């Protein structure tokens, strides 16, 4: 996934919208079971921002573009 992100290959093989749905379901299950989430909630926030940027149909690795947008700097090679 990192290789795709750093190459800027954002054509969807697993769309961000699908990854968001799966992570939402996992977080819901964790809540039901009382299991803490340490990183997943932060990833969910990044996914929400990326989807807000219109990247939902792009590959899930396009989440890197949130950082690029925030930094106003392309971090890809």
N, C-alpha and C. Protein backbone atom coordinates (compact mmCIF):
# COMPACT_ATOMS: atom_id res chain seq x y z
N UNK A 1 0.82 -1.19 0.00
CA UNK A 1 0.00 0.00 0.00
C UNK A 1 0.87 1.26 0.00
N UNK A 2 1.92 1.26 0.81
CA UNK A 2 2.81 2.42 0.87
C UNK A 2 3.47 2.65 -0.48
N UNK A 3 3.87 1.57 -1.16
CA UNK A 3 4.51 1.72 -2.48
C UNK A 3 3.57 2.42 -3.45
N UNK A 4 2.29 2.01 -3.46
CA UNK A 4 1.31 2.64 -4.34
C UNK A 4 1.16 4.12 -3.99
N UNK A 5 1.07 4.41 -2.70
CA UNK A 5 0.87 5.79 -2.26
C UNK A 5 2.03 6.68 -2.69
N UNK A 6 3.26 6.21 -2.45
CA UNK A 6 4.42 7.03 -2.76
C UNK A 6 4.68 7.14 -4.26
N UNK A 7 4.11 6.23 -5.04
CA UNK A 7 4.20 6.33 -6.50
C UNK A 7 3.06 7.17 -7.07
N UNK A 8 2.07 7.50 -6.22
CA UNK A 8 0.93 8.27 -6.69
C UNK A 8 -0.04 7.46 -7.53
N UNK A 9 -0.09 6.17 -7.29
CA UNK A 9 -0.99 5.27 -8.02
C UNK A 9 -2.30 5.16 -7.24
N UNK A 10 -3.24 6.07 -7.55
CA UNK A 10 -4.47 6.17 -6.77
C UNK A 10 -5.68 5.54 -7.46
N UNK A 11 -5.48 4.88 -8.62
CA UNK A 11 -6.58 4.19 -9.26
C UNK A 11 -7.03 3.07 -8.32
N UNK A 12 -8.33 3.00 -8.07
CA UNK A 12 -8.85 2.13 -7.03
C UNK A 12 -8.69 0.65 -7.34
N UNK A 13 -8.00 -0.05 -6.45
CA UNK A 13 -8.06 -1.50 -6.39
C UNK A 13 -8.87 -1.88 -5.15
N UNK A 14 -8.86 -1.04 -4.14
CA UNK A 14 -9.75 -1.13 -2.98
C UNK A 14 -10.07 0.30 -2.58
N UNK A 15 -11.26 0.73 -2.96
CA UNK A 15 -11.65 2.14 -2.82
C UNK A 15 -11.68 2.58 -1.36
N UNK A 16 -11.34 3.82 -1.15
CA UNK A 16 -11.37 4.43 0.17
C UNK A 16 -12.76 4.32 0.79
N UNK A 17 -13.82 4.47 -0.01
CA UNK A 17 -15.18 4.33 0.52
C UNK A 17 -15.40 2.94 1.13
N UNK A 18 -14.86 1.91 0.50
CA UNK A 18 -15.00 0.55 1.04
C UNK A 18 -14.17 0.37 2.31
N UNK A 19 -12.97 0.90 2.32
CA UNK A 19 -12.13 0.82 3.52
C UNK A 19 -12.79 1.56 4.68
N UNK A 20 -13.40 2.70 4.38
CA UNK A 20 -14.10 3.48 5.40
C UNK A 20 -15.25 2.67 5.99
N UNK A 21 -16.04 2.03 5.13
CA UNK A 21 -17.16 1.20 5.59
C UNK A 21 -16.66 0.08 6.49
N UNK A 22 -15.61 -0.60 6.08
CA UNK A 22 -15.08 -1.72 6.86
C UNK A 22 -14.55 -1.24 8.21
N UNK A 23 -13.84 -0.13 8.21
CA UNK A 23 -13.30 0.38 9.47
C UNK A 23 -14.42 0.84 10.39
N UNK A 24 -15.46 1.43 9.82
CA UNK A 24 -16.61 1.85 10.63
C UNK A 24 -17.25 0.64 11.30
N UNK A 25 -17.42 -0.45 10.55
CA UNK A 25 -17.98 -1.67 11.12
C UNK A 25 -17.08 -2.24 12.22
N UNK A 26 -15.78 -2.22 12.00
CA UNK A 26 -14.84 -2.72 13.01
C UNK A 26 -14.90 -1.86 14.27
N UNK A 27 -14.99 -0.55 14.11
CA UNK A 27 -15.08 0.34 15.27
C UNK A 27 -16.40 0.13 16.02
N UNK A 28 -17.48 -0.08 15.28
CA UNK A 28 -18.77 -0.37 15.93
C UNK A 28 -18.68 -1.65 16.75
N UNK A 29 -18.06 -2.69 16.19
CA UNK A 29 -17.90 -3.95 16.90
C UNK A 29 -17.03 -3.77 18.14
N UNK A 30 -15.96 -3.01 18.00
CA UNK A 30 -15.08 -2.76 19.14
C UNK A 30 -15.86 -2.05 20.26
N UNK A 31 -16.70 -1.10 19.89
CA UNK A 31 -17.53 -0.42 20.89
C UNK A 31 -18.46 -1.40 21.59
N UNK A 32 -19.11 -2.26 20.81
CA UNK A 32 -20.04 -3.25 21.37
C UNK A 32 -19.34 -4.19 22.34
N UNK A 33 -18.10 -4.55 22.04
CA UNK A 33 -17.34 -5.49 22.86
C UNK A 33 -16.54 -4.81 23.96
N UNK A 34 -16.51 -3.48 23.95
CA UNK A 34 -15.75 -2.75 24.95
C UNK A 34 -14.24 -2.83 24.74
N UNK A 35 -13.85 -3.03 23.49
CA UNK A 35 -12.42 -3.12 23.16
C UNK A 35 -11.91 -1.73 22.79
N UNK A 36 -10.80 -1.31 23.39
CA UNK A 36 -10.30 0.03 23.05
C UNK A 36 -9.68 0.07 21.66
N UNK A 37 -9.80 1.21 21.04
CA UNK A 37 -9.15 1.44 19.77
C UNK A 37 -8.08 2.50 19.98
N UNK A 38 -6.89 2.23 19.55
CA UNK A 38 -5.82 3.19 19.75
C UNK A 38 -5.51 3.96 18.47
N UNK A 39 -5.40 3.27 17.37
CA UNK A 39 -5.04 3.92 16.11
C UNK A 39 -6.25 4.05 15.19
N UNK A 40 -7.15 3.08 15.23
CA UNK A 40 -8.28 3.06 14.31
C UNK A 40 -9.11 4.34 14.31
N UNK A 41 -9.40 4.94 15.47
CA UNK A 41 -10.18 6.19 15.44
C UNK A 41 -9.46 7.32 14.69
N UNK A 42 -8.15 7.38 14.81
CA UNK A 42 -7.40 8.41 14.09
C UNK A 42 -7.42 8.14 12.59
N UNK A 43 -7.32 6.87 12.20
CA UNK A 43 -7.40 6.51 10.79
C UNK A 43 -8.79 6.86 10.25
N UNK A 44 -9.82 6.61 11.05
CA UNK A 44 -11.18 6.96 10.63
C UNK A 44 -11.29 8.46 10.36
N UNK A 45 -10.70 9.27 11.21
CA UNK A 45 -10.73 10.72 10.98
C UNK A 45 -10.02 11.09 9.69
N UNK A 46 -8.88 10.48 9.42
CA UNK A 46 -8.17 10.74 8.16
C UNK A 46 -9.02 10.33 6.96
N UNK A 47 -9.70 9.19 7.09
CA UNK A 47 -10.56 8.74 6.00
C UNK A 47 -11.72 9.71 5.78
N UNK A 48 -12.27 10.24 6.85
CA UNK A 48 -13.36 11.21 6.71
C UNK A 48 -12.89 12.46 5.98
N UNK A 49 -11.72 12.93 6.33
CA UNK A 49 -11.16 14.10 5.65
C UNK A 49 -10.94 13.79 4.17
N UNK A 50 -10.34 12.64 3.89
CA UNK A 50 -10.06 12.25 2.50
C UNK A 50 -11.35 12.14 1.69
N UNK A 51 -12.39 11.56 2.29
CA UNK A 51 -13.66 11.46 1.59
C UNK A 51 -14.26 12.84 1.38
N UNK A 52 -14.07 13.73 2.33
CA UNK A 52 -14.53 15.11 2.19
C UNK A 52 -13.81 15.84 1.07
N UNK A 53 -12.60 15.40 0.77
CA UNK A 53 -11.83 15.97 -0.33
C UNK A 53 -12.24 15.37 -1.67
N UNK A 54 -13.19 14.45 -1.64
CA UNK A 54 -13.66 13.83 -2.88
C UNK A 54 -12.87 12.61 -3.30
N UNK A 55 -12.14 11.99 -2.38
CA UNK A 55 -11.27 10.87 -2.72
C UNK A 55 -11.89 9.51 -2.45
N UNK A 56 -13.17 9.45 -2.14
CA UNK A 56 -13.82 8.20 -1.78
C UNK A 56 -13.72 7.12 -2.83
N UNK A 57 -13.74 7.49 -4.10
CA UNK A 57 -13.65 6.51 -5.18
C UNK A 57 -12.22 6.13 -5.54
N UNK A 58 -11.26 6.85 -4.97
CA UNK A 58 -9.85 6.54 -5.22
C UNK A 58 -9.40 5.39 -4.34
N UNK A 59 -8.22 4.86 -4.61
CA UNK A 59 -7.69 3.78 -3.80
C UNK A 59 -7.53 4.24 -2.36
N UNK A 60 -7.63 3.30 -1.44
CA UNK A 60 -7.51 3.64 -0.03
C UNK A 60 -6.15 4.26 0.31
N UNK A 61 -5.13 4.01 -0.50
CA UNK A 61 -3.82 4.61 -0.24
C UNK A 61 -3.82 6.12 -0.52
N UNK A 62 -4.89 6.62 -1.15
CA UNK A 62 -4.95 8.05 -1.44
C UNK A 62 -5.09 8.89 -0.18
N UNK A 63 -5.21 8.24 0.95
CA UNK A 63 -5.27 8.96 2.23
C UNK A 63 -4.01 9.82 2.43
N UNK A 64 -2.92 9.46 1.75
CA UNK A 64 -1.69 10.25 1.84
C UNK A 64 -1.92 11.69 1.35
N UNK A 65 -2.92 11.86 0.51
CA UNK A 65 -3.20 13.20 -0.03
C UNK A 65 -3.74 14.14 1.04
N UNK A 66 -4.27 13.61 2.12
CA UNK A 66 -4.69 14.45 3.25
C UNK A 66 -3.46 15.17 3.81
N UNK A 67 -2.38 14.42 3.98
CA UNK A 67 -1.14 15.01 4.48
C UNK A 67 -0.58 16.02 3.48
N UNK A 68 -0.60 15.66 2.20
CA UNK A 68 -0.08 16.57 1.19
C UNK A 68 -0.88 17.87 1.17
N UNK A 69 -2.18 17.76 1.29
CA UNK A 69 -3.04 18.94 1.31
C UNK A 69 -2.77 19.80 2.54
N UNK A 70 -2.63 19.14 3.68
CA UNK A 70 -2.37 19.86 4.94
C UNK A 70 -1.02 20.55 4.92
N UNK A 71 -0.01 19.84 4.41
CA UNK A 71 1.34 20.39 4.38
C UNK A 71 1.59 21.31 3.21
N UNK A 72 0.65 21.28 2.23
CA UNK A 72 0.83 22.00 0.98
C UNK A 72 2.16 21.62 0.33
N UNK A 73 2.42 20.31 0.39
CA UNK A 73 3.68 19.76 -0.11
C UNK A 73 3.43 18.33 -0.60
N UNK A 74 3.91 18.01 -1.77
CA UNK A 74 3.79 16.65 -2.26
C UNK A 74 4.86 15.79 -1.59
N UNK A 75 4.46 14.73 -0.93
CA UNK A 75 5.41 13.89 -0.22
C UNK A 75 5.75 12.62 -1.01
N UNK A 76 5.14 12.50 -2.18
CA UNK A 76 5.39 11.33 -3.03
C UNK A 76 6.68 11.51 -3.81
N UNK A 77 7.28 10.38 -4.15
CA UNK A 77 8.54 10.40 -4.93
C UNK A 77 8.24 10.63 -6.39
